[in-house]
C-alpha atoms as a PDB file:
ATOM      1  CA  UNK A   1    -111.042 117.433 117.004  1.00  0.00           C
ATOM      2  CA  UNK A   2    -109.003 119.324 114.382  1.00  0.00           C
ATOM      3  CA  UNK A   3    -106.370 121.977 115.004  1.00  0.00           C
ATOM      4  CA  UNK A   4    -108.714 124.282 116.904  1.00  0.00           C
ATOM      5  CA  UNK A   5    -110.332 123.857 120.275  1.00  0.00           C
ATOM      6  CA  UNK A   6    -113.276 125.580 121.875  1.00  0.00           C
ATOM      7  CA  UNK A   7    -113.731 126.706 125.452  1.00  0.00           C
ATOM      8  CA  UNK A   8    -117.466 126.833 125.957  1.00  0.00           C
ATOM      9  CA  UNK A   9    -117.407 130.584 125.525  1.00  0.00           C
ATOM     10  CA  UNK A  10    -117.941 130.255 121.791  1.00  0.00           C
ATOM     11  CA  UNK A  11    -114.353 131.267 121.052  1.00  0.00           C
ATOM     12  CA  UNK A  12    -112.350 128.867 118.953  1.00  0.00           C
ATOM     13  CA  UNK A  13    -108.573 129.185 119.275  1.00  0.00           C
ATOM     14  CA  UNK A  14    -105.628 127.271 117.873  1.00  0.00           C
ATOM     15  CA  UNK A  15    -104.442 124.440 120.077  1.00  0.00           C
ATOM     16  CA  UNK A  16    -101.257 124.995 122.041  1.00  0.00           C
ATOM     17  CA  UNK A  17     -98.119 123.018 121.283  1.00  0.00           C
ATOM     18  CA  UNK A  18     -98.761 120.881 124.365  1.00  0.00           C
ATOM     19  CA  UNK A  19    -102.333 120.194 123.259  1.00  0.00           C
ATOM     20  CA  UNK A  20    -101.147 119.231 119.787  1.00  0.00           C
ATOM     21  CA  UNK A  21     -98.492 116.884 121.168  1.00  0.00           C
ATOM     22  CA  UNK A  22    -101.006 115.291 123.546  1.00  0.00           C
ATOM     23  CA  UNK A  23    -103.471 114.888 120.686  1.00  0.00           C
ATOM     24  CA  UNK A  24    -100.766 113.239 118.573  1.00  0.00           C
ATOM     25  CA  UNK A  25     -99.972 110.797 121.372  1.00  0.00           C
ATOM     26  CA  UNK A  26    -103.709 110.100 121.719  1.00  0.00           C
ATOM     27  CA  UNK A  27    -103.917 109.189 118.037  1.00  0.00           C
ATOM     28  CA  UNK A  28    -104.857 112.422 116.226  1.00  0.00           C
ATOM     29  CA  UNK A  29    -103.061 111.864 112.941  1.00  0.00           C
ATOM     30  CA  UNK A  30    -103.076 115.566 111.992  1.00  0.00           C
ATOM     31  CA  UNK A  31    -101.818 117.028 115.279  1.00  0.00           C
ATOM     32  CA  UNK A  32     -98.114 116.343 114.737  1.00  0.00           C
ATOM     33  CA  UNK A  33     -98.315 117.741 111.217  1.00  0.00           C
ATOM     34  CA  UNK A  34     -99.733 120.989 112.607  1.00  0.00           C
ATOM     35  CA  UNK A  35     -97.004 121.101 115.245  1.00  0.00           C
ATOM     36  CA  UNK A  36     -94.373 120.505 112.561  1.00  0.00           C
ATOM     37  CA  UNK A  37     -95.654 123.280 110.299  1.00  0.00           C
ATOM     38  CA  UNK A  38     -95.891 125.672 113.220  1.00  0.00           C
ATOM     39  CA  UNK A  39     -92.184 125.271 114.017  1.00  0.00           C
ATOM     40  CA  UNK A  40     -90.661 124.206 110.692  1.00  0.00           C
ATOM     41  CA  UNK A  41     -88.990 127.512 109.776  1.00  0.00           C
ATOM     42  CA  UNK A  42     -87.325 127.954 113.160  1.00  0.00           C
ATOM     43  CA  UNK A  43     -86.225 124.325 113.316  1.00  0.00           C
ATOM     44  CA  UNK A  44     -84.783 124.403 109.801  1.00  0.00           C
ATOM     45  CA  UNK A  45     -82.923 127.607 110.593  1.00  0.00           C
ATOM     46  CA  UNK A  46     -81.520 126.026 113.743  1.00  0.00           C
ATOM     47  CA  UNK A  47     -80.437 122.961 111.758  1.00  0.00           C
ATOM     48  CA  UNK A  48     -78.838 125.132 109.096  1.00  0.00           C
ATOM     49  CA  UNK A  49     -76.847 127.164 111.582  1.00  0.00           C
ATOM     50  CA  UNK A  50     -75.752 124.061 113.463  1.00  0.00           C
ATOM     51  CA  UNK A  51     -74.643 122.042 110.432  1.00  0.00           C
ATOM     52  CA  UNK A  52     -73.602 124.969 108.195  1.00  0.00           C
ATOM     53  CA  UNK A  53     -74.894 122.972 105.222  1.00  0.00           C
ATOM     54  CA  UNK A  54     -78.443 123.152 103.804  1.00  0.00           C
ATOM     55  CA  UNK A  55     -78.475 119.493 102.729  1.00  0.00           C
ATOM     56  CA  UNK A  56     -77.243 118.248 106.094  1.00  0.00           C
ATOM     57  CA  UNK A  57     -79.727 120.583 107.783  1.00  0.00           C
ATOM     58  CA  UNK A  58     -82.643 119.152 105.806  1.00  0.00           C
ATOM     59  CA  UNK A  59     -81.548 115.583 106.533  1.00  0.00           C
ATOM     60  CA  UNK A  60     -80.987 116.301 110.228  1.00  0.00           C
ATOM     61  CA  UNK A  61     -84.374 118.011 110.476  1.00  0.00           C
ATOM     62  CA  UNK A  62     -86.045 114.982 108.914  1.00  0.00           C
ATOM     63  CA  UNK A  63     -84.215 112.658 111.337  1.00  0.00           C
ATOM     64  CA  UNK A  64     -85.225 114.891 114.254  1.00  0.00           C
ATOM     65  CA  UNK A  65     -88.877 115.074 113.320  1.00  0.00           C
ATOM     66  CA  UNK A  66     -89.076 111.312 112.867  1.00  0.00           C
ATOM     67  CA  UNK A  67     -87.488 110.896 116.304  1.00  0.00           C
ATOM     68  CA  UNK A  68     -89.901 113.420 117.828  1.00  0.00           C
ATOM     69  CA  UNK A  69     -92.866 111.697 116.171  1.00  0.00           C
ATOM     70  CA  UNK A  70     -91.808 108.302 117.544  1.00  0.00           C
ATOM     71  CA  UNK A  71     -90.871 109.456 121.052  1.00  0.00           C
ATOM     72  CA  UNK A  72     -93.637 112.006 121.673  1.00  0.00           C
ATOM     73  CA  UNK A  73     -95.197 109.764 124.313  1.00  0.00           C
ATOM     74  CA  UNK A  74     -92.018 110.025 126.395  1.00  0.00           C
ATOM     75  CA  UNK A  75     -92.142 113.847 126.542  1.00  0.00           C
ATOM     76  CA  UNK A  76     -92.235 114.760 130.255  1.00  0.00           C
ATOM     77  CA  UNK A  77     -93.742 118.265 129.918  1.00  0.00           C
ATOM     78  CA  UNK A  78     -90.927 119.691 132.051  1.00  0.00           C
ATOM     79  CA  UNK A  79     -90.110 122.214 129.324  1.00  0.00           C
ATOM     80  CA  UNK A  80     -91.882 123.848 126.416  1.00  0.00           C
ATOM     81  CA  UNK A  81     -92.640 121.577 123.473  1.00  0.00           C
ATOM     82  CA  UNK A  82     -90.694 123.975 121.245  1.00  0.00           C
ATOM     83  CA  UNK A  83     -87.617 123.617 123.486  1.00  0.00           C
ATOM     84  CA  UNK A  84     -87.955 119.837 123.323  1.00  0.00           C
ATOM     85  CA  UNK A  85     -88.114 120.027 119.517  1.00  0.00           C
ATOM     86  CA  UNK A  86     -85.068 122.318 119.436  1.00  0.00           C
ATOM     87  CA  UNK A  87     -83.064 119.862 121.555  1.00  0.00           C
ATOM     88  CA  UNK A  88     -83.991 116.983 119.277  1.00  0.00           C
ATOM     89  CA  UNK A  89     -82.953 118.999 116.203  1.00  0.00           C
ATOM     90  CA  UNK A  90     -79.614 120.023 117.722  1.00  0.00           C
ATOM     91  CA  UNK A  91     -78.902 116.407 118.692  1.00  0.00           C
ATOM     92  CA  UNK A  92     -79.794 115.198 115.188  1.00  0.00           C
ATOM     93  CA  UNK A  93     -77.479 117.834 113.715  1.00  0.00           C
ATOM     94  CA  UNK A  94     -74.619 116.839 115.987  1.00  0.00           C
ATOM     95  CA  UNK A  95     -75.169 113.155 115.131  1.00  0.00           C
ATOM     96  CA  UNK A  96     -75.046 114.037 111.422  1.00  0.00           C
ATOM     97  CA  UNK A  97     -71.868 116.078 111.909  1.00  0.00           C
ATOM     98  CA  UNK A  98     -70.237 113.142 113.710  1.00  0.00           C
ATOM     99  CA  UNK A  99     -71.225 110.787 110.866  1.00  0.00           C
ATOM    100  CA  UNK A 100     -69.859 113.263 108.313  1.00  0.00           C
ATOM    101  CA  UNK A 101     -66.540 113.321 110.143  1.00  0.00           C
ATOM    102  CA  UNK A 102     -66.064 109.680 109.224  1.00  0.00           C
ATOM    103  CA  UNK A 103     -66.780 110.454 105.554  1.00  0.00           C
ATOM    104  CA  UNK A 104     -64.217 113.250 105.728  1.00  0.00           C
ATOM    105  CA  UNK A 105     -61.541 110.649 106.457  1.00  0.00           C
ATOM    106  CA  UNK A 106     -61.917 109.376 102.881  1.00  0.00           C
ATOM    107  CA  UNK A 107     -61.308 112.900 101.599  1.00  0.00           C
ATOM    108  CA  UNK A 108     -58.267 113.115 103.864  1.00  0.00           C
ATOM    109  CA  UNK A 109     -56.854 109.898 102.406  1.00  0.00           C
ATOM    110  CA  UNK A 110     -57.318 111.317  98.916  1.00  0.00           C
ATOM    111  CA  UNK A 111     -55.567 114.574  99.852  1.00  0.00           C
ATOM    112  CA  UNK A 112     -52.651 112.696 101.374  1.00  0.00           C
ATOM    113  CA  UNK A 113     -52.145 110.658  98.213  1.00  0.00           C
ATOM    114  CA  UNK A 114     -52.097 113.921  96.221  1.00  0.00           C
ATOM    115  CA  UNK A 115     -49.209 115.229  98.311  1.00  0.00           C
ATOM    116  CA  UNK A 116     -51.009 117.936 100.300  1.00  0.00           C
ATOM    117  CA  UNK A 117     -50.936 117.997 104.095  1.00  0.00           C
ATOM    118  CA  UNK A 118     -54.340 118.946 105.490  1.00  0.00           C
ATOM    119  CA  UNK A 119     -53.716 117.377 108.896  1.00  0.00           C
ATOM    120  CA  UNK A 120     -53.155 120.671 110.673  1.00  0.00           C
ATOM    121  CA  UNK A 121     -56.642 121.920 109.759  1.00  0.00           C
ATOM    122  CA  UNK A 122     -58.278 118.576 110.443  1.00  0.00           C
ATOM    123  CA  UNK A 123     -56.508 118.224 113.784  1.00  0.00           C
ATOM    124  CA  UNK A 124     -57.792 121.648 114.807  1.00  0.00           C
ATOM    125  CA  UNK A 125     -61.330 120.792 113.709  1.00  0.00           C
ATOM    126  CA  UNK A 126     -61.255 117.527 115.652  1.00  0.00           C
ATOM    127  CA  UNK A 127     -59.977 119.268 118.796  1.00  0.00           C
ATOM    128  CA  UNK A 128     -62.711 121.913 118.547  1.00  0.00           C
ATOM    129  CA  UNK A 129     -65.417 119.312 117.923  1.00  0.00           C
ATOM    130  CA  UNK A 130     -64.258 117.242 120.893  1.00  0.00           C
ATOM    131  CA  UNK A 131     -64.364 120.343 123.079  1.00  0.00           C
ATOM    132  CA  UNK A 132     -67.842 121.291 121.838  1.00  0.00           C
ATOM    133  CA  UNK A 133     -69.136 117.812 122.619  1.00  0.00           C
ATOM    134  CA  UNK A 134     -68.161 118.242 126.275  1.00  0.00           C
ATOM    135  CA  UNK A 135     -70.604 121.138 126.651  1.00  0.00           C
ATOM    136  CA  UNK A 136     -74.158 120.676 127.876  1.00  0.00           C
ATOM    137  CA  UNK A 137     -76.571 120.782 124.931  1.00  0.00           C
ATOM    138  CA  UNK A 138     -78.078 124.151 125.854  1.00  0.00           C
ATOM    139  CA  UNK A 139     -74.661 125.817 126.090  1.00  0.00           C
ATOM    140  CA  UNK A 140     -73.471 124.132 122.886  1.00  0.00           C
ATOM    141  CA  UNK A 141     -76.495 125.349 120.921  1.00  0.00           C
ATOM    142  CA  UNK A 142     -76.038 128.933 122.146  1.00  0.00           C
ATOM    143  CA  UNK A 143     -72.310 129.153 121.518  1.00  0.00           C
ATOM    144  CA  UNK A 144     -72.558 127.518 118.085  1.00  0.00           C
ATOM    145  CA  UNK A 145     -75.253 129.982 117.066  1.00  0.00           C
ATOM    146  CA  UNK A 146     -73.484 133.093 118.353  1.00  0.00           C
ATOM    147  CA  UNK A 147     -69.765 132.365 117.987  1.00  0.00           C
ATOM    148  CA  UNK A 148     -69.605 129.934 115.102  1.00  0.00           C
ATOM    149  CA  UNK A 149     -72.561 130.889 112.944  1.00  0.00           C
ATOM    150  CA  UNK A 150     -72.584 134.628 113.617  1.00  0.00           C
ATOM    151  CA  UNK A 151     -76.159 134.995 114.855  1.00  0.00           C
ATOM    152  CA  UNK A 152     -76.789 137.894 117.216  1.00  0.00           C
ATOM    153  CA  UNK A 153     -77.783 137.252 120.818  1.00  0.00           C
ATOM    154  CA  UNK A 154     -81.309 138.462 119.990  1.00  0.00           C
ATOM    155  CA  UNK A 155     -81.576 136.143 116.967  1.00  0.00           C
ATOM    156  CA  UNK A 156     -80.288 133.208 118.985  1.00  0.00           C
ATOM    157  CA  UNK A 157     -82.754 133.948 121.773  1.00  0.00           C
ATOM    158  CA  UNK A 158     -85.647 133.898 119.300  1.00  0.00           C
ATOM    159  CA  UNK A 159     -84.298 130.772 117.613  1.00  0.00           C
ATOM    160  CA  UNK A 160     -83.933 128.831 120.857  1.00  0.00           C
ATOM    161  CA  UNK A 161     -87.012 130.321 122.497  1.00  0.00           C
ATOM    162  CA  UNK A 162     -85.134 131.660 125.524  1.00  0.00           C
ATOM    163  CA  UNK A 163     -84.438 135.154 126.942  1.00  0.00           C
ATOM    164  CA  UNK A 164     -81.418 137.093 125.650  1.00  0.00           C
ATOM    165  CA  UNK A 165     -79.863 137.082 129.130  1.00  0.00           C
ATOM    166  CA  UNK A 166     -79.979 133.285 129.124  1.00  0.00           C
ATOM    167  CA  UNK A 167     -78.185 133.201 125.756  1.00  0.00           C
ATOM    168  CA  UNK A 168     -75.486 135.506 127.136  1.00  0.00           C
ATOM    169  CA  UNK A 169     -74.963 133.448 130.287  1.00  0.00           C
ATOM    170  CA  UNK A 170     -74.931 130.140 128.377  1.00  0.00           C
ATOM    171  CA  UNK A 171     -72.370 131.556 125.936  1.00  0.00           C
ATOM    172  CA  UNK A 172     -70.200 132.861 128.773  1.00  0.00           C
ATOM    173  CA  UNK A 173     -70.255 129.500 130.577  1.00  0.00           C
ATOM    174  CA  UNK A 174     -69.633 127.649 127.298  1.00  0.00           C
ATOM    175  CA  UNK A 175     -66.682 129.883 126.397  1.00  0.00           C
ATOM    176  CA  UNK A 176     -65.090 129.339 129.793  1.00  0.00           C
ATOM    177  CA  UNK A 177     -65.501 125.563 129.502  1.00  0.00           C
ATOM    178  CA  UNK A 178     -64.243 125.602 125.904  1.00  0.00           C
ATOM    179  CA  UNK A 179     -61.143 127.548 126.897  1.00  0.00           C
ATOM    180  CA  UNK A 180     -60.319 124.953 129.534  1.00  0.00           C
ATOM    181  CA  UNK A 181     -61.211 122.007 127.275  1.00  0.00           C
ATOM    182  CA  UNK A 182     -59.263 123.323 124.297  1.00  0.00           C
ATOM    183  CA  UNK A 183     -56.178 123.698 126.474  1.00  0.00           C
ATOM    184  CA  UNK A 184     -56.525 120.099 127.671  1.00  0.00           C
ATOM    185  CA  UNK A 185     -57.395 118.654 124.234  1.00  0.00           C
ATOM    186  CA  UNK A 186     -54.649 120.618 122.477  1.00  0.00           C
ATOM    187  CA  UNK A 187     -52.161 119.485 125.095  1.00  0.00           C
ATOM    188  CA  UNK A 188     -53.247 115.864 124.639  1.00  0.00           C
ATOM    189  CA  UNK A 189     -52.992 116.176 120.885  1.00  0.00           C
ATOM    190  CA  UNK A 190     -49.519 117.751 120.685  1.00  0.00           C
ATOM    191  CA  UNK A 191     -46.796 115.200 120.308  1.00  0.00           C
END
């Protein structure tokens, strides 16, 4: 069928994201590619702001798109396809960040053998990461974008495909939960 669809009125228009995803599930081998190219810039930007590293962002985006390609048939159509893709990308980024944390332990061992004491900074990072992981995905994505990566509310709204008011409320709820979580985690971590 291609990337365009007709409506009997002689007008040919690009297929919607939902139509492309349905076509992919039905076996159209070009539909997912079109969906990918339509959203690539936004998804890469989201991955970059979430991981804070272009290489990790590219790897996470690749992981996310492979996951989306494989699990497209399970999409429930209870949200926009773009929101579904954004969630998959954020999850892939967070998975990559968790994996990187384990690699950072090797760097820590090296620093300790050199006589420096980086534990204070690493302890803080671990406490913050643990607190972030307690947040619902939507709140985590908003607060990471605004508070950790410095994106404006308007930029974050465009990036996540949600209204600015939703970004503000998600950030407010996330900040309140983080404040409570950081108090608990910091208290647990102090000896």
